[in-house]
Protein backbone atom coordinates (compact mmCIF):
# COMPACT_ATOMS: atom_id res chain seq x y z
CA MET A 1 -57.69 84.34 59.88
CA ASP A 2 -54.69 82.51 58.81
CA PHE A 3 -52.03 84.99 57.82
CA SER A 4 -49.34 82.25 57.80
CA LEU A 5 -47.34 82.37 54.66
CA THR A 6 -47.41 79.44 51.45
CA GLU A 7 -43.88 78.56 50.32
CA GLU A 8 -43.90 80.44 47.56
CA GLN A 9 -44.95 83.80 49.33
CA ILE A 10 -41.73 82.99 51.61
CA ALA A 11 -39.37 82.39 48.62
CA TRP A 12 -40.70 85.92 47.15
CA GLN A 13 -39.67 87.20 50.75
CA MET A 14 -36.53 85.58 51.15
CA LYS A 15 -35.32 86.54 47.58
CA ALA A 16 -35.99 90.19 48.49
CA ARG A 17 -34.34 90.35 51.74
CA LYS A 18 -31.38 89.10 49.88
CA PHE A 19 -31.20 91.15 47.44
CA ALA A 20 -31.65 94.09 49.69
CA GLU A 21 -28.91 92.93 51.93
CA GLU A 22 -26.70 92.09 49.52
CA GLU A 23 -27.02 94.69 46.84
CA ILE A 24 -28.76 97.49 47.95
CA ARG A 25 -27.79 98.19 51.58
CA PRO A 26 -24.03 98.38 49.77
CA VAL A 27 -24.79 101.57 47.39
CA SER A 28 -27.73 102.55 49.40
CA LEU A 29 -25.95 105.61 51.40
CA ALA A 30 -23.22 106.25 48.44
CA ARG A 31 -26.37 107.00 45.87
CA ASP A 32 -27.99 109.15 48.17
CA ALA A 33 -24.94 111.57 49.06
CA ILE A 34 -24.86 111.99 44.72
CA GLU A 35 -25.39 115.90 44.41
CA ASP A 36 -26.64 115.60 40.85
CA PRO A 37 -30.26 114.30 41.29
CA ALA A 38 -30.79 112.66 37.88
CA ALA A 39 -27.21 110.82 38.56
CA THR A 40 -28.34 108.97 41.90
CA ILE A 41 -30.19 106.19 39.74
CA ASP A 42 -28.07 103.10 39.59
CA TRP A 43 -28.97 101.25 36.46
CA ASP A 44 -26.67 97.78 37.34
CA LEU A 45 -28.96 97.53 40.45
CA ILE A 46 -32.29 98.21 37.96
CA ARG A 47 -30.93 95.41 35.77
CA LYS A 48 -29.84 93.10 38.41
CA GLY A 49 -33.33 93.43 40.27
CA SER A 50 -35.16 93.20 36.86
CA GLN A 51 -33.30 89.55 36.61
CA LEU A 52 -34.75 88.28 39.81
CA GLY A 53 -38.64 89.48 38.81
CA PHE A 54 -38.88 92.50 40.59
CA ARG A 55 -39.82 94.83 37.88
CA THR A 56 -42.01 92.34 35.98
CA SER A 57 -43.53 90.60 39.35
CA VAL A 58 -47.11 91.68 38.68
CA VAL A 59 -47.81 90.72 35.19
CA SER A 60 -49.61 87.44 34.93
CA LYS A 61 -47.71 84.05 34.37
CA GLU A 62 -49.82 83.32 31.38
CA GLN A 63 -48.68 87.34 29.57
CA GLY A 64 -45.20 86.38 30.62
CA GLY A 65 -44.76 87.93 34.28
CA HIS A 66 -44.75 85.94 37.72
CA GLY A 67 -48.45 87.13 38.78
CA ILE A 68 -47.58 87.28 42.60
CA ASP A 69 -50.65 88.35 44.54
CA TYR A 70 -50.98 91.11 46.86
CA VAL A 71 -49.81 89.53 49.87
CA THR A 72 -46.52 88.74 48.29
CA GLN A 73 -46.37 92.33 46.85
CA SER A 74 -46.25 93.53 50.29
CA LEU A 75 -43.84 91.37 51.44
CA VAL A 76 -41.67 92.13 48.74
CA MET A 77 -41.69 95.86 49.01
CA THR A 78 -41.23 95.84 52.52
CA GLU A 79 -38.18 93.73 52.10
CA LEU A 80 -36.76 96.12 49.44
CA ALA A 81 -37.67 98.99 51.04
CA ARG A 82 -35.82 97.80 54.37
CA GLY A 83 -32.94 98.12 51.98
CA ASP A 84 -33.53 101.58 50.47
CA SER A 85 -37.34 103.02 50.54
CA ALA A 86 -36.58 105.09 47.02
CA ILE A 87 -35.17 101.82 45.21
CA SER A 88 -38.24 99.91 46.26
CA LYS A 89 -40.69 102.76 45.10
CA THR A 90 -38.66 102.18 41.63
CA PHE A 91 -39.29 98.91 41.22
CA SER A 92 -42.82 99.11 42.38
CA GLN A 93 -43.97 102.09 40.59
CA CYS A 94 -43.68 99.97 37.34
CA TRP A 95 -46.00 97.41 38.81
CA LYS A 96 -49.40 99.67 38.89
CA TRP A 97 -48.65 100.59 35.28
CA SER A 98 -47.77 96.87 33.86
CA HIS A 99 -50.78 95.87 35.68
CA LEU A 100 -52.90 98.48 33.34
CA ILE A 101 -50.98 97.32 30.20
CA ALA A 102 -52.27 93.80 30.97
CA ALA A 103 -55.91 94.87 32.22
CA ALA A 104 -57.08 97.62 30.13
CA CYS A 105 -54.95 97.81 27.09
CA THR A 106 -55.98 96.28 23.39
CA ASP A 107 -53.97 93.32 21.86
CA ASP A 108 -52.29 95.46 19.94
CA GLN A 109 -51.00 97.98 22.72
CA LYS A 110 -49.80 94.72 24.48
CA GLU A 111 -47.85 93.61 21.70
CA ARG A 112 -46.17 97.37 21.32
CA PHE A 113 -45.64 97.84 24.94
CA LEU A 114 -46.18 94.73 27.18
CA GLU A 115 -43.93 92.57 25.41
CA PRO A 116 -40.92 95.56 25.28
CA PHE A 117 -41.34 95.85 28.69
CA LEU A 118 -41.32 92.34 29.76
CA ALA A 119 -38.12 91.77 27.47
CA ASP A 120 -35.77 94.93 28.72
CA ASP A 121 -34.24 94.90 32.28
CA THR A 122 -34.17 98.74 32.02
CA PHE A 123 -37.63 99.36 30.65
CA VAL A 124 -39.31 101.51 33.79
CA LEU A 125 -43.05 102.93 33.40
CA GLY A 126 -44.02 106.45 34.34
CA PHE A 127 -47.54 108.22 35.39
CA GLY A 128 -48.14 111.73 34.37
CA GLN A 129 -50.63 113.37 36.08
CA THR A 130 -49.70 116.65 38.20
CA GLU A 131 -49.12 120.00 37.05
CA ALA A 132 -47.94 123.38 38.16
CA ASN A 133 -51.89 124.07 38.91
CA SER A 134 -53.74 121.12 39.48
CA GLY A 135 -52.07 119.13 42.21
CA SER A 136 -54.73 118.42 44.92
CA ASP A 137 -57.29 119.14 42.39
CA ASN A 138 -56.69 116.03 40.83
CA ARG A 139 -56.86 114.02 43.76
CA LEU A 140 -60.08 115.56 44.98
CA PRO A 141 -61.70 117.08 41.99
CA PRO A 142 -63.74 119.72 42.59
CA PRO A 143 -67.33 119.58 41.42
CA ASP A 144 -68.51 121.65 38.33
CA VAL A 145 -65.50 123.39 38.16
CA PRO A 146 -64.34 122.91 33.94
CA ASN A 147 -60.97 125.11 35.09
CA ALA A 148 -59.74 122.71 37.89
CA GLY A 149 -57.55 119.74 37.24
CA VAL A 150 -55.03 118.62 34.09
CA ARG A 151 -54.99 121.04 31.35
CA LEU A 152 -52.09 119.28 29.59
CA ARG A 153 -54.13 120.00 26.17
CA ALA A 154 -54.94 117.18 23.76
CA GLU A 155 -56.21 118.00 20.58
CA LEU A 156 -57.51 115.67 17.84
CA ASP A 157 -55.82 116.25 14.63
CA GLY A 158 -56.65 113.42 12.39
CA ASN A 159 -55.53 109.93 13.79
CA HIS A 160 -53.35 111.51 16.39
CA TRP A 161 -53.88 113.59 19.77
CA VAL A 162 -51.49 116.87 19.71
CA LEU A 163 -50.46 117.60 23.15
CA ASN A 164 -49.55 121.13 24.31
CA GLY A 165 -48.44 121.71 27.97
CA GLU A 166 -46.39 120.56 30.73
CA LYS A 167 -46.24 118.12 34.04
CA GLN A 168 -44.83 118.62 37.00
CA PHE A 169 -43.05 116.47 39.47
CA ILE A 170 -43.43 113.15 37.48
CA ALA A 171 -42.07 109.95 38.78
CA HIS A 172 -39.74 108.60 36.36
CA GLY A 173 -39.89 111.68 34.04
CA ASN A 174 -36.52 111.59 32.96
CA ILE A 175 -36.00 107.65 32.79
CA ALA A 176 -39.28 105.85 31.70
CA LYS A 177 -39.62 104.38 28.35
CA LEU A 178 -43.39 104.41 28.49
CA PHE A 179 -45.68 106.88 30.26
CA PHE A 180 -49.54 106.79 31.26
CA LEU A 181 -50.60 110.19 30.67
CA TYR A 182 -53.90 112.12 31.61
CA VAL A 183 -54.43 114.79 29.30
CA ARG A 184 -57.48 117.11 29.20
CA THR A 185 -59.45 116.29 26.34
CA ASP A 186 -63.13 118.62 26.86
CA PHE A 187 -62.45 122.16 28.93
CA SER A 188 -66.11 122.49 28.74
CA VAL A 189 -66.76 119.83 31.29
CA PRO A 190 -65.38 119.14 35.04
CA PHE A 191 -61.88 117.30 35.04
CA THR A 192 -63.29 114.12 36.00
CA ASP A 193 -65.51 114.22 32.51
CA GLY A 194 -62.90 115.42 30.19
CA THR A 195 -59.78 113.62 30.77
CA THR A 196 -58.56 110.89 28.53
CA VAL A 197 -55.55 108.41 29.31
CA LEU A 198 -52.66 108.07 26.38
CA LEU A 199 -49.83 105.70 26.16
CA VAL A 200 -46.84 108.12 25.24
CA PRO A 201 -43.56 106.58 24.67
CA ASN A 202 -40.20 108.64 25.34
CA ASP A 203 -39.33 109.24 21.93
CA THR A 204 -42.32 110.84 21.18
CA PRO A 205 -41.59 113.93 18.53
CA GLY A 206 -42.49 117.02 20.40
CA PHE A 207 -41.95 115.57 23.79
CA SER A 208 -38.75 116.82 25.81
CA VAL A 209 -37.74 116.40 29.51
CA GLY A 210 -37.06 119.44 31.71
CA LYS A 211 -35.69 120.10 34.89
CA VAL A 212 -34.86 116.86 37.50
CA TYR A 213 -36.24 117.82 40.71
CA ASN A 214 -33.91 117.51 43.77
CA LYS A 215 -35.37 116.24 46.68
CA SER A 216 -34.23 115.54 50.24
CA GLY A 217 -35.63 112.19 50.37
CA TRP A 218 -36.09 109.26 47.65
CA ARG A 219 -33.40 110.40 46.01
CA PHE A 220 -32.49 107.27 43.88
CA TYR A 221 -36.09 107.73 42.71
CA GLN A 222 -36.33 110.32 39.88
CA ASN A 223 -39.03 112.99 39.43
CA ALA A 224 -39.02 115.27 36.59
CA GLU A 225 -40.44 117.73 34.19
CA MET A 226 -42.09 116.77 31.11
CA VAL A 227 -42.70 119.23 28.26
CA PHE A 228 -44.75 118.82 25.35
CA GLU A 229 -44.94 121.23 22.46
CA ASP A 230 -47.00 119.89 19.51
CA ALA A 231 -46.37 116.38 20.40
CA ARG A 232 -47.97 113.84 18.28
CA VAL A 233 -49.84 110.64 19.94
CA PRO A 234 -51.54 108.58 17.96
CA VAL A 235 -54.86 107.81 18.49
CA ALA A 236 -54.07 103.90 18.38
CA ASN A 237 -52.39 104.67 21.81
CA GLN A 238 -55.50 105.58 23.82
CA ILE A 239 -56.72 103.43 26.79
CA GLY A 240 -60.13 103.28 26.96
CA GLU A 241 -62.73 105.87 25.58
CA THR A 242 -62.05 109.60 25.07
CA ASN A 243 -62.81 112.04 28.22
CA ALA A 244 -63.40 108.42 30.10
CA ALA A 245 -60.39 108.60 31.97
CA LEU A 246 -61.90 108.66 35.67
CA ARG A 247 -65.21 107.06 35.25
CA LYS A 248 -65.36 103.23 36.71
CA GLY A 249 -63.64 100.80 34.87
CA GLU A 250 -61.49 103.02 32.66
CA GLY A 251 -58.22 104.70 33.25
CA ASP A 252 -56.36 102.96 36.41
CA GLN A 253 -57.64 99.63 36.50
CA SER A 254 -56.03 98.80 40.01
CA GLY A 255 -57.80 101.56 41.37
CA ASP A 256 -56.49 103.72 44.25
CA MET A 257 -55.87 100.59 46.33
CA PHE A 258 -52.56 99.23 45.03
CA GLY A 259 -51.51 102.52 45.55
CA ASP A 260 -52.30 102.76 49.19
CA LEU A 261 -51.18 99.47 49.70
CA GLU A 262 -47.70 100.35 48.09
CA LEU A 263 -47.38 103.31 50.11
CA ALA A 264 -48.01 101.21 53.55
CA SER A 265 -46.08 98.46 52.62
CA ASN A 266 -42.86 100.85 51.54
CA ALA A 267 -43.51 102.67 55.07
CA LEU A 268 -43.49 99.61 56.82
CA GLY A 269 -40.08 98.60 55.68
CA ILE A 270 -38.39 101.92 56.48
CA CYS A 271 -39.88 101.02 59.76
CA ASP A 272 -38.05 97.80 59.79
CA ALA A 273 -34.94 99.46 59.06
CA ALA A 274 -35.45 102.42 61.94
CA CYS A 275 -36.04 99.62 64.61
CA GLU A 276 -32.98 97.82 63.34
CA GLN A 277 -30.60 100.90 63.30
CA ALA A 278 -31.98 101.62 67.02
CA HIS A 279 -31.15 98.27 68.60
CA ALA A 280 -27.47 98.56 66.68
CA ALA A 281 -27.08 101.89 68.33
CA ILE A 282 -28.02 100.91 71.90
CA LYS A 283 -25.73 97.59 71.44
CA ASN A 284 -22.72 97.53 73.82
CA ARG A 285 -23.02 101.51 74.96
CA GLN A 286 -23.13 102.87 78.17
CA LEU A 287 -24.60 106.36 79.53
CA ARG A 288 -23.43 107.40 83.06
CA GLY A 289 -21.84 103.89 83.61
CA GLU A 290 -24.86 102.09 82.81
CA PRO A 291 -25.35 100.02 79.46
CA LEU A 292 -28.03 102.20 77.50
CA SER A 293 -29.89 99.53 76.85
CA SER A 294 -31.05 99.93 80.61
CA GLN A 295 -32.39 103.34 80.48
CA GLN A 296 -36.01 103.51 80.69
CA LEU A 297 -36.35 106.79 78.77
CA VAL A 298 -34.44 104.23 75.80
CA GLN A 299 -36.46 101.23 76.55
CA LEU A 300 -40.06 103.42 76.22
CA LYS A 301 -38.80 104.63 72.96
CA ILE A 302 -37.68 101.26 71.55
CA GLY A 303 -40.78 99.58 72.66
CA ARG A 304 -42.92 102.40 70.95
CA MET A 305 -41.16 102.12 67.70
CA ASN A 306 -41.75 98.24 67.79
CA MET A 307 -45.20 98.46 68.72
CA LEU A 308 -46.20 101.10 66.04
CA THR A 309 -44.11 98.82 63.64
CA GLU A 310 -45.75 95.54 64.12
CA ALA A 311 -49.33 97.16 64.41
CA LEU A 312 -48.87 98.61 61.03
CA ARG A 313 -47.78 94.84 59.71
CA ALA A 314 -50.66 93.28 60.71
CA TYR A 315 -53.04 96.32 59.20
CA ILE A 316 -51.15 95.57 55.68
CA MET A 317 -51.04 92.01 55.96
CA ARG A 318 -54.82 92.51 56.54
CA VAL A 319 -55.64 94.68 53.74
CA ALA A 320 -53.33 92.43 51.41
CA TRP A 321 -54.98 89.41 52.10
CA GLU A 322 -58.60 91.09 51.87
CA HIS A 323 -57.57 92.00 48.23
CA ASP A 324 -56.83 88.63 47.19
CA GLN A 325 -59.85 87.41 48.39
CA LYS A 326 -61.57 89.94 47.08
CA VAL A 327 -63.27 91.44 50.07
CA HIS A 328 -64.23 94.59 49.73
CA SER A 329 -63.30 97.38 52.22
CA ASN A 330 -61.70 100.77 52.65
CA ASN A 331 -58.56 99.31 54.66
CA ALA A 332 -56.09 100.42 52.05
CA GLY A 333 -56.72 103.95 52.45
CA LEU A 334 -56.61 103.86 56.12
CA ALA A 335 -53.94 101.35 56.42
CA MET A 336 -51.67 104.57 54.05
CA ASN A 337 -52.51 107.04 56.75
CA LEU A 338 -51.61 105.13 59.31
CA ALA A 339 -48.18 104.59 57.69
CA THR A 340 -48.01 108.05 56.89
CA ASP A 341 -47.67 108.60 60.99
CA THR A 342 -45.91 105.65 62.00
CA VAL A 343 -43.20 105.93 59.71
CA GLN A 344 -42.41 109.60 60.68
CA GLU A 345 -42.60 109.03 64.64
CA VAL A 346 -40.63 105.84 64.12
CA THR A 347 -37.84 107.72 62.06
CA GLU A 348 -38.00 110.18 64.43
CA LEU A 349 -37.50 107.86 67.49
CA ASN A 350 -34.96 106.33 65.99
CA MET A 351 -33.03 109.83 65.39
CA ASP A 352 -33.26 110.56 68.96
CA ILE A 353 -31.90 107.53 70.33
CA HIS A 354 -28.93 108.05 67.96
CA ASP A 355 -28.79 111.28 69.54
CA GLY A 356 -28.64 109.64 73.02
CA ALA A 357 -26.14 107.03 71.86
CA GLY A 358 -23.81 109.66 71.02
CA ARG A 359 -24.18 109.06 67.34
CA ALA A 360 -25.91 112.36 66.29
CA ALA A 361 -26.86 112.93 62.85
CA GLU A 362 -25.58 109.36 61.49
CA ARG A 363 -26.22 109.47 57.96
CA ALA A 364 -28.52 106.35 57.90
CA ALA A 365 -30.83 107.31 60.70
CA ASP A 366 -30.82 110.97 58.97
CA LYS A 367 -31.55 109.54 55.58
CA LEU A 368 -34.93 107.15 57.40
CA VAL A 369 -36.27 110.47 58.47
CA ARG A 370 -35.93 112.23 55.20
CA ASP A 371 -37.19 109.44 53.16
CA GLY A 372 -40.01 108.98 55.90
CA PHE A 373 -41.04 112.87 55.45
CA ILE A 374 -41.90 112.06 51.99
CA TRP A 375 -45.15 110.49 53.24
CA SER A 376 -46.35 113.92 54.14
CA HIS A 377 -47.03 114.63 50.27
CA LEU A 378 -47.82 111.40 48.98
CA ALA A 379 -50.16 110.10 51.40
CA GLY A 380 -50.93 112.08 54.63
CA ASP A 381 -51.55 115.53 53.48
CA THR A 382 -55.21 116.81 54.28
CA ILE A 383 -56.40 116.06 50.91
CA GLN A 384 -55.17 112.48 50.69
CA ARG A 385 -56.96 112.23 54.35
CA LEU A 386 -60.10 113.97 53.06
CA LYS A 387 -60.09 111.45 50.32
CA VAL A 388 -60.07 108.54 52.14
CA ALA A 389 -62.42 109.96 54.84
CA GLY A 390 -65.04 110.20 52.08
CA ARG A 391 -64.87 106.77 51.30
CA VAL A 392 -65.16 105.48 54.64
CA ILE A 393 -68.27 107.94 55.10
CA ARG A 394 -69.87 106.79 51.77
CA ALA A 395 -69.40 103.09 52.59
CA ALA A 396 -71.20 103.59 56.15
């Protein structure tokens, strides 16, 4: 396999690296330190990144975007995450759902939602699925249990769906201008057969934002509670058929693959940053009269950090290449699980090295540990690993 990059891929990579170095890193720690979780977002930074194409990069060129391939997407996410993981996720969160507008929406929906998304540098997208009593059930739906899964009720009233209920921990829940919302339209059947996808603008009557969650990591990335009280959403905002959100060909056309690749690529950026920090921490420092870089324990830690990081990079590039070539595999999910273990071990080794270098609890190293811990929830919990394992077993 030839994994050499094209000129266009290198250009996107260098553009993302420059933006991370010149715009993201100078503000990253300051934004992370803001006490109010709703105030950590930096709209000037979002506008600058959007003007460079980082918000709209996966929309096809024919539809007004940049149409970058999966390898390029991975490169961009990794470089942005090297500057700040949460800022990278703020941009890439828009990629999944802008792709869905382009791939699954009607011409009328594209005109009403895709065109404004492309034109507005502050137009970010959100997706609402998780609820207080339906988190893991949504990711690995139990068969033949009608009460499991999404419970946000949507009832048909003429040419509108009327929504009642709440969503919790929703990405961009307090800042998105448009949401892709999983709603329950039939409670007599299991979640997989009674769920519909609706496009819900943030100015929908009856919708309000609840609490904004105060997280230890990914503080720039906004998560909030969504509240619906007789919220009226036009039937014209429905994607696909009623009760068909989780059927093949409906709902998230990008499937789980992009989410897996997205998380793996983002974790790789954190690992790159941790390796850089570790090298900087031992430079020109001594322990008991000898250079810290000559200490065998330090050398072993540095070696392992770089080994794990490069192994993850190779796997991610393979996954991205496979999907560009339309080669079907389960490697995306496996790469995501590998990323979970790798990002946490690499950031913890970086913190250990900072302790040994006499720079205990340095905020930059501490931030990487806190950001890396997010993967235990997003990609490394038992449910997610079971889901990936199931794919592997079914494919065998």
